[in-house]
Amino acid sequence: MKHFKTSLIICLAAVACCAGCAKHEVVKQDQMIPTTAATPAAKPAQPASSAPVAKDARDDASLANPAIKESAADAKAAGQKDAAMQLMLDKIFFDFDSATLSPAARTTLDKTAEVLKKQGALKIRIEGNCDELGSDDYNLSLGENRAASAKNYLKALGIAADRMSILSYGKEKPVAAGHDDASRAQNRRDEFVVLSK
């Protein structure tokens, strides 16, 4: 039994020693391997005979086909343009228990219509929201009426109905967490979300 324990200890020590002494590959000074700033996992080392590693597959593809590089740049520019469009579409607000457009809401919708006219292919979703007062079903219906009011006003200004969809969140997506009048007023709103160009 004593010999068995000694043999076991020697075997475990040998395994630990071998595991700790893994072979390290040496990269020659003239072998340039580019690094990326935010690489999620280390890439396996390449044999010394192969060419240097590219940053990622898109770089190789864009070198072979410049159209890929241009389409990636176009996609990035389109994303930035959609974000800019989103910032141009202001929220509108409603009085308590009302889906009637106020003069301020109509002025905001006039500006929204101008943006939509300039961007003829832009599609939006109008999202109706309510404060926390009232039942879920009542607020879903009121939110839908608020979104429909905005859609109908934009249609009257010449925006095609198929470019707009409506969705009611009722009281599910408050922007203000308080239970006072000021917070409730911020939650009684329509938001405009850019869907596509």
C-alpha atoms as a PDB file:
ATOM      1  CA  MET A   1       0.000   0.000   0.000  1.00  0.00           C
ATOM      2  CA  LYS A   2       2.886   2.321   0.822  1.00  0.00           C
ATOM      3  CA  HIS A   3       4.452   1.691  -2.596  1.00  0.00           C
ATOM      4  CA  PHE A   4       1.102   2.374  -4.305  1.00  0.00           C
ATOM      5  CA  LYS A   5       0.773   5.817  -2.632  1.00  0.00           C
ATOM      6  CA  THR A   6       4.367   6.688  -3.525  1.00  0.00           C
ATOM      7  CA  SER A   7       3.842   5.608  -7.163  1.00  0.00           C
ATOM      8  CA  LEU A   8       0.621   7.619  -7.341  1.00  0.00           C
ATOM      9  CA  ILE A   9       2.305  10.766  -6.001  1.00  0.00           C
ATOM     10  CA  ILE A  10       5.177  10.390  -8.487  1.00  0.00           C
ATOM     11  CA  CYS A  11       2.723   9.934 -11.396  1.00  0.00           C
ATOM     12  CA  LEU A  12       0.684  12.990 -10.375  1.00  0.00           C
ATOM     13  CA  ALA A  13       3.852  15.078 -10.041  1.00  0.00           C
ATOM     14  CA  ALA A  14       4.992  13.982 -13.507  1.00  0.00           C
ATOM     15  CA  VAL A  15       1.597  14.862 -15.063  1.00  0.00           C
ATOM     16  CA  ALA A  16       1.575  18.264 -13.357  1.00  0.00           C
ATOM     17  CA  CYS A  17       5.104  18.968 -14.527  1.00  0.00           C
ATOM     18  CA  CYS A  18       4.311  18.001 -18.124  1.00  0.00           C
ATOM     19  CA  ALA A  19       1.108  20.041 -18.162  1.00  0.00           C
ATOM     20  CA  GLY A  20       2.911  23.126 -16.890  1.00  0.00           C
ATOM     21  CA  CYS A  21       5.631  22.878 -19.518  1.00  0.00           C
ATOM     22  CA  ALA A  22       3.567  23.231 -22.703  1.00  0.00           C
ATOM     23  CA  LYS A  23       5.494  23.919 -25.861  1.00  0.00           C
ATOM     24  CA  HIS A  24       5.623  27.646 -26.706  1.00  0.00           C
ATOM     25  CA  GLU A  25       5.986  28.659 -30.332  1.00  0.00           C
ATOM     26  CA  VAL A  26       8.448  31.410 -31.019  1.00  0.00           C
ATOM     27  CA  VAL A  27       7.465  34.140 -33.485  1.00  0.00           C
ATOM     28  CA  LYS A  28      10.393  35.399 -35.479  1.00  0.00           C
ATOM     29  CA  GLN A  29      11.023  39.133 -35.470  1.00  0.00           C
ATOM     30  CA  ASP A  30      10.405  39.477 -39.232  1.00  0.00           C
ATOM     31  CA  GLN A  31       7.077  37.637 -39.068  1.00  0.00           C
ATOM     32  CA  MET A  32       4.518  40.424 -38.638  1.00  0.00           C
ATOM     33  CA  ILE A  33       1.220  39.226 -37.163  1.00  0.00           C
ATOM     34  CA  PRO A  34      -1.294  42.094 -36.911  1.00  0.00           C
ATOM     35  CA  THR A  35      -3.325  42.374 -33.753  1.00  0.00           C
ATOM     36  CA  THR A  36      -6.822  43.730 -33.266  1.00  0.00           C
ATOM     37  CA  ALA A  37      -7.843  45.933 -30.385  1.00  0.00           C
ATOM     38  CA  ALA A  38     -10.961  44.054 -29.335  1.00  0.00           C
ATOM     39  CA  THR A  39     -10.358  40.407 -30.223  1.00  0.00           C
ATOM     40  CA  PRO A  40     -12.737  38.235 -28.181  1.00  0.00           C
ATOM     41  CA  ALA A  41     -10.489  35.162 -28.136  1.00  0.00           C
ATOM     42  CA  ALA A  42      -6.867  34.533 -28.982  1.00  0.00           C
ATOM     43  CA  LYS A  43      -6.311  33.181 -32.489  1.00  0.00           C
ATOM     44  CA  PRO A  44      -4.169  30.063 -32.876  1.00  0.00           C
ATOM     45  CA  ALA A  45      -0.582  30.716 -33.935  1.00  0.00           C
ATOM     46  CA  GLN A  46       0.172  30.023 -37.571  1.00  0.00           C
ATOM     47  CA  PRO A  47       3.137  27.950 -38.708  1.00  0.00           C
ATOM     48  CA  ALA A  48       6.207  29.981 -39.668  1.00  0.00           C
ATOM     49  CA  SER A  49       5.833  29.021 -43.334  1.00  0.00           C
ATOM     50  CA  SER A  50       2.386  30.591 -43.825  1.00  0.00           C
ATOM     51  CA  ALA A  51       1.557  34.174 -44.690  1.00  0.00           C
ATOM     52  CA  PRO A  52       0.773  36.736 -41.960  1.00  0.00           C
ATOM     53  CA  VAL A  53      -2.713  36.599 -40.452  1.00  0.00           C
ATOM     54  CA  ALA A  54      -5.254  39.167 -41.724  1.00  0.00           C
ATOM     55  CA  LYS A  55      -7.269  41.181 -39.189  1.00  0.00           C
ATOM     56  CA  ASP A  56     -10.477  39.393 -40.146  1.00  0.00           C
ATOM     57  CA  ALA A  57     -12.126  37.693 -43.086  1.00  0.00           C
ATOM     58  CA  ARG A  58     -13.800  40.915 -44.223  1.00  0.00           C
ATOM     59  CA  ASP A  59     -10.374  42.491 -44.847  1.00  0.00           C
ATOM     60  CA  ASP A  60      -9.347  39.614 -47.136  1.00  0.00           C
ATOM     61  CA  ALA A  61     -12.669  39.709 -48.960  1.00  0.00           C
ATOM     62  CA  SER A  62     -12.568  43.487 -49.377  1.00  0.00           C
ATOM     63  CA  LEU A  63      -9.056  43.277 -50.827  1.00  0.00           C
ATOM     64  CA  ALA A  64     -10.237  40.731 -53.387  1.00  0.00           C
ATOM     65  CA  ASN A  65     -13.545  42.495 -54.032  1.00  0.00           C
ATOM     66  CA  PRO A  66     -13.663  46.283 -53.408  1.00  0.00           C
ATOM     67  CA  ALA A  67     -17.473  46.194 -53.722  1.00  0.00           C
ATOM     68  CA  ILE A  68     -17.648  44.381 -50.362  1.00  0.00           C
ATOM     69  CA  LYS A  69     -15.693  47.186 -48.704  1.00  0.00           C
ATOM     70  CA  GLU A  70     -17.972  49.782 -50.293  1.00  0.00           C
ATOM     71  CA  SER A  71     -21.147  47.918 -49.282  1.00  0.00           C
ATOM     72  CA  ALA A  72     -19.938  47.702 -45.670  1.00  0.00           C
ATOM     73  CA  ALA A  73     -19.255  51.446 -45.705  1.00  0.00           C
ATOM     74  CA  ASP A  74     -22.675  52.054 -47.283  1.00  0.00           C
ATOM     75  CA  ALA A  75     -24.361  49.940 -44.588  1.00  0.00           C
ATOM     76  CA  LYS A  76     -22.572  51.881 -41.852  1.00  0.00           C
ATOM     77  CA  ALA A  77     -23.565  55.202 -43.443  1.00  0.00           C
ATOM     78  CA  ALA A  78     -27.179  53.994 -43.788  1.00  0.00           C
ATOM     79  CA  GLY A  79     -27.250  53.030 -40.107  1.00  0.00           C
ATOM     80  CA  GLN A  80     -25.949  56.452 -39.130  1.00  0.00           C
ATOM     81  CA  LYS A  81     -28.514  58.090 -41.403  1.00  0.00           C
ATOM     82  CA  ASP A  82     -31.354  56.063 -39.825  1.00  0.00           C
ATOM     83  CA  ALA A  83     -30.116  57.096 -36.370  1.00  0.00           C
ATOM     84  CA  ALA A  84     -30.068  60.728 -37.499  1.00  0.00           C
ATOM     85  CA  MET A  85     -33.621  60.360 -38.854  1.00  0.00           C
ATOM     86  CA  GLN A  86     -34.708  58.876 -35.533  1.00  0.00           C
ATOM     87  CA  LEU A  87     -33.382  61.942 -33.714  1.00  0.00           C
ATOM     88  CA  MET A  88     -35.369  64.212 -36.035  1.00  0.00           C
ATOM     89  CA  LEU A  89     -38.688  62.556 -35.152  1.00  0.00           C
ATOM     90  CA  ASP A  90     -39.865  64.170 -31.934  1.00  0.00           C
ATOM     91  CA  LYS A  91     -42.378  62.685 -29.508  1.00  0.00           C
ATOM     92  CA  ILE A  92     -45.817  64.196 -29.141  1.00  0.00           C
ATOM     93  CA  PHE A  93     -47.752  64.398 -25.877  1.00  0.00           C
ATOM     94  CA  PHE A  94     -51.420  64.131 -24.924  1.00  0.00           C
ATOM     95  CA  ASP A  95     -53.684  65.456 -22.213  1.00  0.00           C
ATOM     96  CA  PHE A  96     -55.044  63.096 -19.560  1.00  0.00           C
ATOM     97  CA  ASP A  97     -57.477  60.483 -20.950  1.00  0.00           C
ATOM     98  CA  SER A  98     -57.318  62.020 -24.434  1.00  0.00           C
ATOM     99  CA  ALA A  99     -56.229  61.084 -27.936  1.00  0.00           C
ATOM    100  CA  THR A 100     -56.877  64.591 -29.291  1.00  0.00           C
ATOM    101  CA  LEU A 101     -53.874  66.310 -30.864  1.00  0.00           C
ATOM    102  CA  SER A 102     -52.898  69.534 -29.140  1.00  0.00           C
ATOM    103  CA  PRO A 103     -51.607  72.530 -31.134  1.00  0.00           C
ATOM    104  CA  ALA A 104     -48.067  71.663 -29.975  1.00  0.00           C
ATOM    105  CA  ALA A 105     -48.506  68.050 -31.158  1.00  0.00           C
ATOM    106  CA  ARG A 106     -49.751  69.279 -34.555  1.00  0.00           C
ATOM    107  CA  THR A 107     -46.699  71.522 -34.924  1.00  0.00           C
ATOM    108  CA  THR A 108     -44.414  68.589 -34.142  1.00  0.00           C
ATOM    109  CA  LEU A 109     -46.297  66.383 -36.625  1.00  0.00           C
ATOM    110  CA  ASP A 110     -45.936  69.071 -39.313  1.00  0.00           C
ATOM    111  CA  LYS A 111     -42.144  68.802 -38.874  1.00  0.00           C
ATOM    112  CA  THR A 112     -42.349  64.991 -38.909  1.00  0.00           C
ATOM    113  CA  ALA A 113     -44.284  65.142 -42.193  1.00  0.00           C
ATOM    114  CA  GLU A 114     -41.569  67.337 -43.728  1.00  0.00           C
ATOM    115  CA  VAL A 115     -38.885  64.811 -42.763  1.00  0.00           C
ATOM    116  CA  LEU A 116     -40.964  61.953 -44.194  1.00  0.00           C
ATOM    117  CA  LYS A 117     -41.556  63.863 -47.450  1.00  0.00           C
ATOM    118  CA  LYS A 118     -37.812  64.470 -47.877  1.00  0.00           C
ATOM    119  CA  GLN A 119     -37.100  60.800 -47.153  1.00  0.00           C
ATOM    120  CA  GLY A 120     -39.638  59.275 -49.528  1.00  0.00           C
ATOM    121  CA  ALA A 121     -38.841  55.636 -48.754  1.00  0.00           C
ATOM    122  CA  LEU A 122     -38.655  55.995 -44.970  1.00  0.00           C
ATOM    123  CA  LYS A 123     -41.144  53.888 -42.998  1.00  0.00           C
ATOM    124  CA  ILE A 124     -42.068  54.493 -39.378  1.00  0.00           C
ATOM    125  CA  ARG A 125     -43.983  52.905 -36.530  1.00  0.00           C
ATOM    126  CA  ILE A 126     -46.066  55.181 -34.318  1.00  0.00           C
ATOM    127  CA  GLU A 127     -46.110  53.864 -30.750  1.00  0.00           C
ATOM    128  CA  GLY A 128     -48.920  55.030 -28.463  1.00  0.00           C
ATOM    129  CA  ASN A 129     -48.238  55.179 -24.717  1.00  0.00           C
ATOM    130  CA  CYS A 130     -50.225  56.031 -21.578  1.00  0.00           C
ATOM    131  CA  ASP A 131     -49.639  56.807 -17.922  1.00  0.00           C
ATOM    132  CA  GLU A 132     -50.230  54.169 -15.232  1.00  0.00           C
ATOM    133  CA  LEU A 133     -53.777  55.241 -14.376  1.00  0.00           C
ATOM    134  CA  GLY A 134     -56.586  53.004 -15.635  1.00  0.00           C
ATOM    135  CA  SER A 135     -56.771  49.325 -16.541  1.00  0.00           C
ATOM    136  CA  ASP A 136     -54.401  47.556 -18.927  1.00  0.00           C
ATOM    137  CA  ASP A 137     -57.121  47.049 -21.542  1.00  0.00           C
ATOM    138  CA  TYR A 138     -58.290  50.653 -21.362  1.00  0.00           C
ATOM    139  CA  ASN A 139     -54.746  51.986 -21.742  1.00  0.00           C
ATOM    140  CA  LEU A 140     -53.971  49.663 -24.670  1.00  0.00           C
ATOM    141  CA  SER A 141     -57.055  51.014 -26.436  1.00  0.00           C
ATOM    142  CA  LEU A 142     -56.181  54.628 -25.574  1.00  0.00           C
ATOM    143  CA  GLY A 143     -52.584  54.158 -26.766  1.00  0.00           C
ATOM    144  CA  GLU A 144     -53.869  52.753 -30.062  1.00  0.00           C
ATOM    145  CA  ASN A 145     -56.206  55.749 -30.470  1.00  0.00           C
ATOM    146  CA  ARG A 146     -53.303  58.131 -29.809  1.00  0.00           C
ATOM    147  CA  ALA A 147     -51.127  56.435 -32.427  1.00  0.00           C
ATOM    148  CA  ALA A 148     -54.052  56.420 -34.899  1.00  0.00           C
ATOM    149  CA  SER A 149     -54.610  60.161 -34.335  1.00  0.00           C
ATOM    150  CA  ALA A 150     -51.004  60.880 -35.317  1.00  0.00           C
ATOM    151  CA  LYS A 151     -51.180  58.535 -38.317  1.00  0.00           C
ATOM    152  CA  ASN A 152     -54.404  60.123 -39.587  1.00  0.00           C
ATOM    153  CA  TYR A 153     -52.947  63.616 -39.228  1.00  0.00           C
ATOM    154  CA  LEU A 154     -49.811  62.604 -41.157  1.00  0.00           C
ATOM    155  CA  LYS A 155     -52.006  60.985 -43.855  1.00  0.00           C
ATOM    156  CA  ALA A 156     -53.897  64.281 -44.187  1.00  0.00           C
ATOM    157  CA  LEU A 157     -50.522  65.977 -44.758  1.00  0.00           C
ATOM    158  CA  GLY A 158     -49.785  63.638 -47.674  1.00  0.00           C
ATOM    159  CA  ILE A 159     -47.816  60.779 -46.078  1.00  0.00           C
ATOM    160  CA  ALA A 160     -48.850  57.405 -47.552  1.00  0.00           C
ATOM    161  CA  ALA A 161     -50.579  55.109 -45.072  1.00  0.00           C
ATOM    162  CA  ASP A 162     -48.407  52.132 -46.081  1.00  0.00           C
ATOM    163  CA  ARG A 163     -45.338  53.988 -44.778  1.00  0.00           C
ATOM    164  CA  MET A 164     -46.775  54.079 -41.250  1.00  0.00           C
ATOM    165  CA  SER A 165     -47.810  51.399 -38.803  1.00  0.00           C
ATOM    166  CA  ILE A 166     -49.196  51.820 -35.299  1.00  0.00           C
ATOM    167  CA  LEU A 167     -48.611  49.944 -32.075  1.00  0.00           C
ATOM    168  CA  SER A 168     -49.969  50.528 -28.584  1.00  0.00           C
ATOM    169  CA  TYR A 169     -47.911  49.807 -25.489  1.00  0.00           C
ATOM    170  CA  GLY A 170     -50.570  51.142 -23.140  1.00  0.00           C
ATOM    171  CA  LYS A 171     -48.832  51.716 -19.814  1.00  0.00           C
ATOM    172  CA  GLU A 172     -46.095  49.084 -20.392  1.00  0.00           C
ATOM    173  CA  LYS A 173     -43.252  51.455 -21.406  1.00  0.00           C
ATOM    174  CA  PRO A 174     -43.166  54.493 -19.122  1.00  0.00           C
ATOM    175  CA  VAL A 175     -40.287  56.924 -19.629  1.00  0.00           C
ATOM    176  CA  ALA A 176     -40.824  58.539 -16.230  1.00  0.00           C
ATOM    177  CA  ALA A 177     -41.055  56.287 -13.177  1.00  0.00           C
ATOM    178  CA  GLY A 178     -42.739  58.768 -10.827  1.00  0.00           C
ATOM    179  CA  HIS A 179     -46.412  58.776  -9.844  1.00  0.00           C
ATOM    180  CA  ASP A 180     -46.893  62.551  -9.911  1.00  0.00           C
ATOM    181  CA  ASP A 181     -48.573  64.689 -12.581  1.00  0.00           C
ATOM    182  CA  ALA A 182     -45.287  65.676 -14.258  1.00  0.00           C
ATOM    183  CA  SER A 183     -44.212  62.039 -14.667  1.00  0.00           C
ATOM    184  CA  ARG A 184     -47.625  60.992 -15.930  1.00  0.00           C
ATOM    185  CA  ALA A 185     -47.591  63.818 -18.495  1.00  0.00           C
ATOM    186  CA  GLN A 186     -44.280  62.494 -19.914  1.00  0.00           C
ATOM    187  CA  ASN A 187     -45.758  59.002 -20.250  1.00  0.00           C
ATOM    188  CA  ARG A 188     -48.836  60.142 -22.236  1.00  0.00           C
ATOM    189  CA  ARG A 189     -47.089  60.219 -25.600  1.00  0.00           C
ATOM    190  CA  ASP A 190     -46.577  58.932 -29.126  1.00  0.00           C
ATOM    191  CA  GLU A 191     -43.085  57.941 -30.221  1.00  0.00           C
ATOM    192  CA  PHE A 192     -41.945  57.562 -33.823  1.00  0.00           C
ATOM    193  CA  VAL A 193     -39.571  54.697 -34.642  1.00  0.00           C
ATOM    194  CA  VAL A 194     -37.711  54.498 -37.961  1.00  0.00           C
ATOM    195  CA  LEU A 195     -38.261  51.037 -39.448  1.00  0.00           C
ATOM    196  CA  SER A 196     -36.580  51.131 -42.847  1.00  0.00           C
ATOM    197  CA  LYS A 197     -35.751  53.189 -45.873  1.00  0.00           C
END
